[in-house]
Structures are given as C-alpha cells and as structure tokens.
Amino acid sequence: MQDLKTYGVYRFTLSDGGAKPELLISIKKQYQGKPLYEKGLQRQFDAHHEEEHPYLLRYVEMRDVDGLGRCLVVDWEDARPLSAFAAENPSLEAKKAVLEQLASALGYIHERKGVHGDLSPAVVFVTKKGNQVRLLNFRQTYAGNQDDAAQVIRYQAPEIKDGTVAVTARADMYALGMLMKDLRLGGEFYDVVSCCCNYNSSVRYETMADFADALDHRRSSRPSGGVKVGVPKVGKGALRAFAVVLALAVVVGIVLYFINDVNLLSQDDTQQVAVPHDTTATVAPQDTTAQDTAPTVSPEDYTGELEFLATLVPQMYKDLDKIYAPYQTGATEADRRELRAKVVRYYRGLRGTLGKKSHAQFEAFDKAFADYNKIKNDALG
C-alpha cells in the first residue's frame, strides 16, 4: 500500500493487492472514532456512488480494511497528481487537453446540480498512459488545522472563504483558474485566468462549456443569453487594489480555518464560520518580554523589501507571548475560544498598521505570524 499526500482528516491510500488497483479513502488515525467524520465519509459515498463519467474516479463501495478501518473504495489506474504532471513541463496542447477534460468532468457534476467545492491539485490526477484526467469528486475536511487549510485555501473562491453567498458552480470556476496558474498558463491565456478568478462571481464564466470555448479561443468573453460578458478593462491602480483585496481574502480564509473546525462534509453546501466583527481600535505592538519559544530573528533573515519585518517580527513574538501567557496550563475549551478571538483581533489590528505593502510583503508577514502562532498553539497544555 502507498499513501498519497493529503491535507485534512481523510487519508488516501493506493492498494494493488486485489484484482484491480484501488484508492482507499479512510479516516486518519488521530481522527478515528469520531462519528462526525465516519458519517461524513458515508455521506460522500451516498452522494456520488452513482456518478459515471470518463474523467471522474468511480466510487465502488464502503468496505472495512485491516489497518485502515472503514474505507470508501474508489476505482484506480496508474496516475500521478496534477502537480507532478505540471512539473514534467508538458506541452501547451497537453495542458489544454487536461483542462478541457477537467472542465468536462466538472460540467457533468454541475449538470447534476452539484458543486465540487474543494477542487485543488490534491484531487486531480493525470494518468501515466495517455495523460487522461481522473478527478476525485471528494471534499476533504480540515478539522481546524491551520497548516492543512493553508495548503488548499488559495484554490477556494472568495465566497467560500467568507460565506457571504450560496456556493455555486462558479466557485469551481475560480479553482479551475487557479489550477491554470499552477500549469503556468499565463500570457495569451491571461484573460481566461482573470475571468475565472474574478472576485465577483457573476463575472466568471457561467458554465464549463463557456470556459472550454474561451480556452479554445483564448479570450475572456463568454456567451450568456446572446450577450458577451468579459473582464472589464481597468487601470493599473485598480488592478493593484484588486490584488490587495484578493490577498486579504486569502488571509481571512486562513484565519477562519484557524479559529474554527470547518467541516466540508455536506455535498449540498459548504459550512462556513465568519470572523466575528471587531470594532476595537487597532492593536499596537506592546513591549513585553519574549519567552523561550520565540525563534531568533537576525537582520539577515529579512532584507530588501522585507527589511521592515526584521524589527516587526520580534515585537510580534513578544506580543503573542503575552496573549498566550494566561492560557499556558489548564485552558478549557471556552478559554481556547477566547484565546483564538484575541489572536484574531491582534492579527487584524497589527496587519492594519502595515499600510500599503506588496503582495510578497504581506505574504511574508502572514507566514511569520502563522508559523509562530502554531508554535504557541502547539505548546498549550
């Protein structure tokens, strides 16, 4: 048996011990025995076992397997993840063929009134023979694990992250655009990617057929009742503003996963928990004494446009030490919720003091914050 790399509650294991190879989806050891996840696995089988499409992996049965427990059994053939396919530097035509096949599979799901809702490289495979797509129509569950959630959050549409509107097929369109970026399809396909990844879901392609047509003609417009709808032309300033908004959406999404156990178990909708509205004033860093858990920061760690972090990060460590200090031992679940709320307020306030920064600068700050926050959270008694 061979385990595939997964993020979240469920484990993917390849088995070739039977008459034909299978993908076994089970609950990771640390999450076993929890009815929520067991029911979630059964629910996904019930929702998708009747689906039949040449580019979809087919659900076979639920089965008890030694060493794994209850498993959702999926037909398998020799394939590699989309990320491995992309690393092989395939031709433009091979990339387009993969995207067209993926769009076909997603279109089938949408025609059945479904939404994948968790499209990422972790569930897209490409066969080693013939480069045929095999999409796994499965939603992972992240159990509040910040690191796991961060691996897939970039593929989620803004409306999934903030839970502001009902999730539709256009959320899958956003993820498809992000996969185009992974395949390094830019340049002449820029308008197609931009249309897929538009923050406004109503501007994205309405159907996968529209996407396939745009991909073929390399344009952003899509047919909709005889009216072509495309990405509006905007100036560089507006594009920069949009990039900042999108970056903030990603960060808020990661925070959402950190402060809540977000379970994508239902195939009908995606459960989301919004960050509580905070009306407090901006939290300024306070000069406190850092504890031993804080990594050492030297000026060489942050240079160039990241130089501002050389002084900000050590102070951030001190502030987080102070926030966590009262909860080091004997913290109840209510205490932990209170702590998480404080961390979120501090994060939002501190990030608000950064002012105008580039995407790379915000990304470096977010990583430093998330890494140390994980250290502090893991150290709780």
Protein backbone atom coordinates (compact mmCIF):
# COMPACT_ATOMS: atom_id res chain seq x y z
CA MET A 1 0.00 0.00 0.00
CA GLN A 2 1.12 3.54 -0.73
CA ASP A 3 -0.20 6.70 0.92
CA LEU A 4 -0.77 9.79 -1.18
CA LYS A 5 -0.04 13.16 0.40
CA THR A 6 -3.26 14.65 1.75
CA TYR A 7 -4.21 17.58 3.95
CA GLY A 8 -7.05 17.13 6.39
CA VAL A 9 -8.95 14.37 8.16
CA TYR A 10 -9.09 11.78 5.40
CA ARG A 11 -6.27 9.55 4.21
CA PHE A 12 -5.75 8.42 0.59
CA THR A 13 -4.10 5.01 0.18
CA LEU A 14 -3.32 3.18 -3.06
CA SER A 15 -3.81 -0.59 -2.97
CA ASP A 16 -2.94 -3.08 -5.70
CA GLY A 17 -3.45 -6.21 -3.64
CA GLY A 18 -6.74 -7.14 -5.31
CA ALA A 19 -7.82 -7.97 -8.83
CA LYS A 20 -7.51 -4.31 -9.81
CA PRO A 21 -5.88 -1.25 -8.22
CA GLU A 22 -7.99 0.80 -5.81
CA LEU A 23 -7.85 4.10 -3.98
CA LEU A 24 -8.91 3.66 -0.36
CA ILE A 25 -10.18 6.75 1.44
CA SER A 26 -10.14 6.31 5.21
CA ILE A 27 -10.02 8.40 8.37
CA LYS A 28 -6.54 9.27 9.62
CA LYS A 29 -5.62 7.54 12.85
CA GLN A 30 -5.75 10.66 15.01
CA TYR A 31 -9.35 11.33 13.93
CA GLN A 32 -10.74 7.79 14.10
CA GLY A 33 -13.61 7.01 16.43
CA LYS A 34 -15.35 10.33 15.81
CA PRO A 35 -18.88 9.81 14.42
CA LEU A 36 -18.79 13.16 12.61
CA TYR A 37 -16.03 12.02 10.27
CA GLU A 38 -17.39 8.49 9.88
CA LYS A 39 -20.78 9.85 8.85
CA GLY A 40 -19.09 12.33 6.55
CA LEU A 41 -17.30 9.54 4.69
CA GLN A 42 -20.53 7.57 4.28
CA ARG A 43 -22.37 10.71 3.18
CA GLN A 44 -19.89 11.34 0.39
CA PHE A 45 -20.26 7.77 -0.86
CA ASP A 46 -24.06 8.05 -0.82
CA ALA A 47 -23.90 11.33 -2.74
CA HIS A 48 -21.54 10.23 -5.51
CA HIS A 49 -21.56 6.46 -5.97
CA GLU A 50 -23.94 6.69 -8.94
CA GLU A 51 -21.82 9.19 -10.87
CA GLU A 52 -20.41 7.87 -14.16
CA HIS A 53 -18.10 9.97 -16.31
CA PRO A 54 -14.93 9.07 -18.23
CA TYR A 55 -12.88 11.69 -16.37
CA LEU A 56 -14.26 11.00 -12.88
CA LEU A 57 -12.87 8.39 -10.49
CA ARG A 58 -15.71 5.97 -9.77
CA TYR A 59 -16.89 5.15 -6.25
CA VAL A 60 -17.20 1.36 -5.77
CA GLU A 61 -18.28 0.56 -2.22
CA MET A 62 -17.77 1.09 1.50
CA ARG A 63 -15.52 -1.60 2.98
CA ASP A 64 -13.69 -2.43 6.22
CA VAL A 65 -9.95 -2.78 5.57
CA ASP A 66 -7.37 -4.11 8.04
CA GLY A 67 -5.13 -1.34 9.28
CA LEU A 68 -7.30 1.42 7.82
CA GLY A 69 -10.79 0.83 9.19
CA ARG A 70 -13.88 1.85 7.28
CA CYS A 71 -12.92 2.87 3.73
CA LEU A 72 -14.56 4.45 0.74
CA VAL A 73 -13.27 2.33 -2.16
CA VAL A 74 -12.57 4.07 -5.48
CA ASP A 75 -11.53 2.53 -8.82
CA TRP A 76 -7.95 3.49 -9.67
CA GLU A 77 -5.49 3.36 -12.52
CA ASP A 78 -1.84 4.32 -12.71
CA ALA A 79 -1.79 8.11 -12.41
CA ARG A 80 0.11 10.97 -10.82
CA PRO A 81 -1.16 14.15 -9.14
CA LEU A 82 -1.67 17.24 -11.27
CA SER A 83 1.32 18.87 -9.56
CA ALA A 84 3.60 16.05 -10.77
CA PHE A 85 2.19 16.36 -14.28
CA ALA A 86 2.89 20.11 -14.26
CA ALA A 87 6.47 19.50 -13.06
CA GLU A 88 7.13 17.44 -16.19
CA ASN A 89 6.88 20.60 -18.34
CA PRO A 90 4.18 19.20 -20.62
CA SER A 91 3.40 20.81 -23.96
CA LEU A 92 0.81 23.54 -24.30
CA GLU A 93 -1.53 21.15 -26.09
CA ALA A 94 -1.19 18.58 -23.29
CA LYS A 95 -2.04 21.22 -20.69
CA LYS A 96 -5.05 22.39 -22.67
CA ALA A 97 -6.27 18.81 -23.08
CA VAL A 98 -6.07 18.25 -19.33
CA LEU A 99 -8.03 21.45 -18.65
CA GLU A 100 -10.67 20.54 -21.22
CA GLN A 101 -11.11 17.10 -19.67
CA LEU A 102 -11.28 18.58 -16.19
CA ALA A 103 -13.90 21.07 -17.37
CA SER A 104 -15.88 18.19 -18.87
CA ALA A 105 -15.90 16.33 -15.54
CA LEU A 106 -16.88 19.46 -13.62
CA GLY A 107 -19.58 20.22 -16.16
CA TYR A 108 -21.05 16.77 -15.54
CA ILE A 109 -21.12 17.44 -11.78
CA HIS A 110 -22.80 20.80 -12.35
CA GLU A 111 -25.40 19.30 -14.68
CA ARG A 112 -26.37 17.01 -11.80
CA LYS A 113 -26.97 20.15 -9.69
CA GLY A 114 -23.79 19.56 -7.72
CA VAL A 115 -20.69 21.59 -6.91
CA HIS A 116 -17.29 20.05 -6.27
CA GLY A 117 -16.42 22.78 -3.76
CA ASP A 118 -12.92 21.52 -2.90
CA LEU A 119 -11.12 21.49 -6.24
CA SER A 120 -7.33 21.50 -5.81
CA PRO A 121 -4.30 19.54 -7.05
CA ALA A 122 -4.95 17.03 -4.25
CA VAL A 123 -7.99 15.61 -6.07
CA VAL A 124 -6.91 15.97 -9.71
CA PHE A 125 -4.87 13.14 -11.21
CA VAL A 126 -3.47 12.54 -14.70
CA THR A 127 -2.94 9.00 -15.97
CA LYS A 128 0.59 7.99 -16.88
CA LYS A 129 -0.72 6.39 -20.03
CA GLY A 130 -2.37 8.90 -22.33
CA ASN A 131 -2.44 11.86 -19.88
CA GLN A 132 -6.13 11.41 -19.14
CA VAL A 133 -7.74 13.33 -16.26
CA ARG A 134 -9.14 11.43 -13.29
CA LEU A 135 -10.98 13.81 -10.96
CA LEU A 136 -11.90 12.68 -7.46
CA ASN A 137 -15.24 14.23 -6.50
CA PHE A 138 -14.47 14.34 -2.79
CA ARG A 139 -14.45 17.11 -0.20
CA GLN A 140 -11.72 16.96 2.38
CA THR A 141 -12.31 18.06 5.98
CA TYR A 142 -9.70 20.11 7.82
CA ALA A 143 -10.76 19.93 11.50
CA GLY A 144 -9.47 23.42 12.26
CA ASN A 145 -5.91 22.52 11.23
CA GLN A 146 -4.37 25.79 10.09
CA ASP A 147 -1.45 24.22 8.24
CA ASP A 148 -3.66 21.81 6.30
CA ALA A 149 -6.16 24.51 5.42
CA ALA A 150 -3.41 26.84 4.20
CA GLN A 151 -2.42 24.30 1.55
CA VAL A 152 -5.79 24.49 -0.21
CA ILE A 153 -7.15 27.90 0.75
CA ARG A 154 -5.70 29.58 -2.35
CA TYR A 155 -7.93 27.45 -4.57
CA GLN A 156 -11.12 28.46 -2.79
CA ALA A 157 -13.31 31.20 -4.20
CA PRO A 158 -13.82 34.31 -2.05
CA GLU A 159 -17.48 33.42 -1.45
CA ILE A 160 -16.42 30.08 0.06
CA LYS A 161 -13.90 31.79 2.32
CA ASP A 162 -16.24 34.42 3.71
CA GLY A 163 -19.56 32.56 3.42
CA THR A 164 -21.33 35.65 2.12
CA VAL A 165 -23.35 33.97 -0.64
CA ALA A 166 -24.50 30.50 -1.59
CA VAL A 167 -21.79 28.43 -3.23
CA THR A 168 -22.46 27.77 -6.91
CA ALA A 169 -20.67 26.17 -9.85
CA ARG A 170 -18.77 29.43 -10.29
CA ALA A 171 -16.77 28.58 -7.17
CA ASP A 172 -15.35 25.63 -9.11
CA MET A 173 -14.61 28.05 -11.95
CA TYR A 174 -12.40 30.08 -9.61
CA ALA A 175 -10.47 26.97 -8.57
CA LEU A 176 -10.07 25.96 -12.20
CA GLY A 177 -8.46 29.32 -12.91
CA MET A 178 -6.04 28.77 -10.03
CA LEU A 179 -5.13 25.38 -11.49
CA MET A 180 -4.38 27.14 -14.78
CA LYS A 181 -1.85 29.21 -12.86
CA ASP A 182 -0.30 26.03 -11.47
CA LEU A 183 0.07 24.79 -15.03
CA ARG A 184 1.80 28.09 -15.85
CA LEU A 185 -0.76 29.05 -18.44
CA GLY A 186 -0.39 32.81 -18.49
CA GLY A 187 0.49 35.15 -21.31
CA GLU A 188 -2.07 34.68 -24.05
CA PHE A 189 -4.40 32.95 -21.56
CA TYR A 190 -4.25 35.84 -19.10
CA ASP A 191 -7.80 37.00 -19.84
CA VAL A 192 -9.18 33.49 -19.36
CA VAL A 193 -7.46 33.11 -15.99
CA SER A 194 -8.59 36.59 -14.93
CA CYS A 195 -12.20 35.83 -15.82
CA CYS A 196 -12.13 32.54 -13.90
CA CYS A 197 -10.54 34.14 -10.84
CA ASN A 198 -12.58 37.33 -10.76
CA TYR A 199 -13.51 38.31 -7.20
CA ASN A 200 -17.06 38.95 -8.41
CA SER A 201 -18.53 35.50 -9.07
CA SER A 202 -21.10 36.87 -11.53
CA VAL A 203 -18.28 37.92 -13.88
CA ARG A 204 -16.78 34.42 -14.07
CA TYR A 205 -17.76 32.01 -16.83
CA GLU A 206 -21.23 30.68 -16.19
CA THR A 207 -20.71 27.14 -17.46
CA MET A 208 -17.81 24.82 -18.15
CA ALA A 209 -18.81 24.88 -21.82
CA ASP A 210 -18.24 28.64 -21.80
CA PHE A 211 -14.85 28.07 -20.20
CA ALA A 212 -13.86 25.45 -22.77
CA ASP A 213 -14.88 27.78 -25.60
CA ALA A 214 -12.87 30.64 -24.11
CA LEU A 215 -9.87 28.36 -23.59
CA ASP A 216 -10.03 27.30 -27.22
CA HIS A 217 -10.28 30.88 -28.45
CA ARG A 218 -8.11 32.34 -25.66
CA ARG A 219 -10.50 35.08 -24.73
CA SER A 220 -12.32 36.17 -21.60
CA SER A 221 -15.79 36.76 -23.03
CA ARG A 222 -18.48 34.14 -22.57
CA PRO A 223 -21.93 33.67 -24.16
CA SER A 224 -24.80 34.39 -21.84
CA GLY A 225 -28.19 34.85 -23.46
CA GLY A 226 -26.55 36.27 -26.55
CA VAL A 227 -24.60 38.86 -24.57
CA LYS A 228 -20.85 38.57 -24.22
CA VAL A 229 -19.62 39.20 -20.74
CA GLY A 230 -15.91 39.67 -20.16
CA VAL A 231 -13.43 41.10 -17.76
CA PRO A 232 -13.78 44.87 -17.73
CA LYS A 233 -10.72 46.87 -18.70
CA VAL A 234 -9.25 48.57 -15.68
CA GLY A 235 -6.22 50.66 -14.97
CA LYS A 236 -3.10 49.51 -13.18
CA GLY A 237 -4.20 51.19 -9.97
CA ALA A 238 -7.45 49.24 -9.90
CA LEU A 239 -5.60 46.01 -10.60
CA ARG A 240 -3.26 46.67 -7.69
CA ALA A 241 -6.23 47.38 -5.44
CA PHE A 242 -7.87 44.16 -6.53
CA ALA A 243 -4.66 42.23 -5.81
CA VAL A 244 -4.59 43.61 -2.26
CA VAL A 245 -8.26 42.68 -1.72
CA LEU A 246 -7.61 39.18 -3.01
CA ALA A 247 -4.58 38.78 -0.76
CA LEU A 248 -6.64 39.88 2.23
CA ALA A 249 -9.33 37.36 1.28
CA VAL A 250 -6.74 34.58 1.37
CA VAL A 251 -5.51 35.68 4.79
CA VAL A 252 -9.01 35.95 6.23
CA GLY A 253 -9.72 32.48 4.87
CA ILE A 254 -6.71 31.05 6.70
CA VAL A 255 -7.78 32.76 9.90
CA LEU A 256 -11.27 31.29 9.51
CA TYR A 257 -9.82 27.82 9.35
CA PHE A 258 -7.61 28.52 12.36
CA ILE A 259 -10.35 29.70 14.71
CA ASN A 260 -13.00 27.18 13.77
CA ASP A 261 -13.32 23.50 12.94
CA VAL A 262 -14.51 23.93 9.38
CA ASN A 263 -16.04 20.68 8.12
CA LEU A 264 -16.81 20.39 4.41
CA LEU A 265 -18.93 17.28 4.91
CA SER A 266 -22.14 18.22 3.11
CA GLN A 267 -22.29 17.90 -0.67
CA ASP A 268 -25.19 20.35 -0.79
CA ASP A 269 -23.43 23.30 0.74
CA THR A 270 -20.21 24.37 2.40
CA GLN A 271 -20.30 25.20 6.09
CA GLN A 272 -18.56 28.46 6.86
CA VAL A 273 -17.98 30.40 10.04
CA ALA A 274 -17.41 34.11 9.64
CA VAL A 275 -14.80 36.01 11.61
CA PRO A 276 -16.62 37.98 14.32
CA HIS A 277 -16.86 41.66 13.50
CA ASP A 278 -14.35 43.56 15.57
CA THR A 279 -14.91 47.22 16.33
CA THR A 280 -11.96 47.67 18.67
CA ALA A 281 -9.19 50.10 17.86
CA THR A 282 -6.04 48.96 16.09
CA VAL A 283 -3.85 46.94 18.41
CA ALA A 284 -0.40 48.42 18.61
CA PRO A 285 2.54 46.12 19.46
CA GLN A 286 3.40 46.18 23.15
CA ASP A 287 6.87 45.85 24.62
CA THR A 288 6.84 42.65 26.66
CA THR A 289 9.42 40.00 27.34
CA ALA A 290 9.63 37.22 24.77
CA GLN A 291 9.52 33.65 26.03
CA ASP A 292 11.97 30.92 25.05
CA THR A 293 9.66 29.60 22.33
CA ALA A 294 10.34 32.61 20.11
CA PRO A 295 12.78 31.92 17.25
CA THR A 296 15.76 34.22 16.95
CA VAL A 297 15.44 36.85 14.24
CA SER A 298 18.54 38.38 12.70
CA PRO A 299 18.73 41.27 10.22
CA GLU A 300 19.88 38.79 7.57
CA ASP A 301 16.53 36.96 7.79
CA TYR A 302 14.68 39.85 6.20
CA THR A 303 16.34 42.00 3.57
CA GLY A 304 15.28 44.15 0.67
CA GLU A 305 11.55 44.86 0.63
CA LEU A 306 11.11 42.57 3.67
CA GLU A 307 13.51 44.56 5.84
CA PHE A 308 10.62 46.06 7.84
CA LEU A 309 9.95 42.59 9.27
CA ALA A 310 13.35 42.45 10.96
CA THR A 311 12.02 44.74 13.71
CA LEU A 312 8.31 43.94 13.45
CA VAL A 313 8.57 40.15 13.82
CA PRO A 314 10.48 40.10 17.15
CA GLN A 315 7.93 42.51 18.62
CA MET A 316 5.12 40.35 17.26
CA TYR A 317 6.66 37.35 19.03
CA LYS A 318 6.61 39.26 22.30
CA ASP A 319 3.01 40.30 21.85
CA LEU A 320 1.87 36.77 21.08
CA ASP A 321 3.78 35.50 24.12
CA LYS A 322 1.83 37.94 26.25
CA ILE A 323 -1.51 36.97 24.70
CA TYR A 324 -0.86 33.26 25.22
CA ALA A 325 0.65 33.56 28.73
CA PRO A 326 -2.62 33.30 30.77
CA TYR A 327 -3.66 30.15 28.87
CA GLN A 328 -0.49 28.06 29.13
CA THR A 329 -1.90 25.47 31.53
CA GLY A 330 -5.37 24.09 32.21
CA ALA A 331 -7.12 26.00 29.45
CA THR A 332 -10.72 24.90 28.92
CA GLU A 333 -12.41 24.83 25.52
CA ALA A 334 -14.07 28.14 26.39
CA ASP A 335 -10.64 29.56 27.28
CA ARG A 336 -9.27 28.42 23.94
CA ARG A 337 -12.11 30.10 22.07
CA GLU A 338 -11.44 33.29 23.98
CA LEU A 339 -7.73 32.99 23.17
CA ARG A 340 -8.40 32.47 19.48
CA ALA A 341 -10.60 35.55 19.39
CA LYS A 342 -7.81 37.60 20.99
CA VAL A 343 -5.28 36.31 18.49
CA VAL A 344 -7.56 37.19 15.59
CA ARG A 345 -8.14 40.71 16.92
CA TYR A 346 -4.41 41.20 17.41
CA TYR A 347 -3.63 39.86 13.94
CA ARG A 348 -6.18 42.10 12.27
CA GLY A 349 -5.02 45.13 14.19
CA LEU A 350 -1.33 44.53 13.57
CA ARG A 351 -1.86 43.83 9.90
CA GLY A 352 -3.85 47.03 9.62
CA THR A 353 -0.81 49.01 10.78
CA LEU A 354 1.27 47.75 7.86
CA GLY A 355 -0.29 50.21 5.46
CA LYS A 356 0.42 49.85 1.76
CA LYS A 357 2.56 46.79 1.13
CA SER A 358 3.17 44.48 -1.82
CA HIS A 359 1.66 41.01 -2.04
CA ALA A 360 5.09 39.49 -1.28
CA GLN A 361 5.45 41.66 1.84
CA PHE A 362 2.01 40.72 3.15
CA GLU A 363 2.69 37.07 2.36
CA ALA A 364 5.97 37.10 4.32
CA PHE A 365 4.27 38.78 7.29
CA ASP A 366 1.41 36.27 7.23
CA LYS A 367 3.82 33.34 7.16
CA ALA A 368 5.83 34.68 10.10
CA PHE A 369 2.63 35.20 12.08
CA ALA A 370 1.15 31.80 11.22
CA ASP A 371 4.38 29.92 11.95
CA TYR A 372 4.85 31.40 15.41
CA ASN A 373 1.17 31.22 16.25
CA LYS A 374 1.33 27.48 15.50
CA ILE A 375 4.31 27.12 17.84
CA LYS A 376 2.37 28.85 20.61
CA ASN A 377 -0.80 26.89 19.95
CA ASP A 378 1.03 23.54 19.93
CA ALA A 379 2.65 24.40 23.27
CA LEU A 380 -0.65 24.87 25.09
CA GLY A 381 -1.13 22.48 28.00
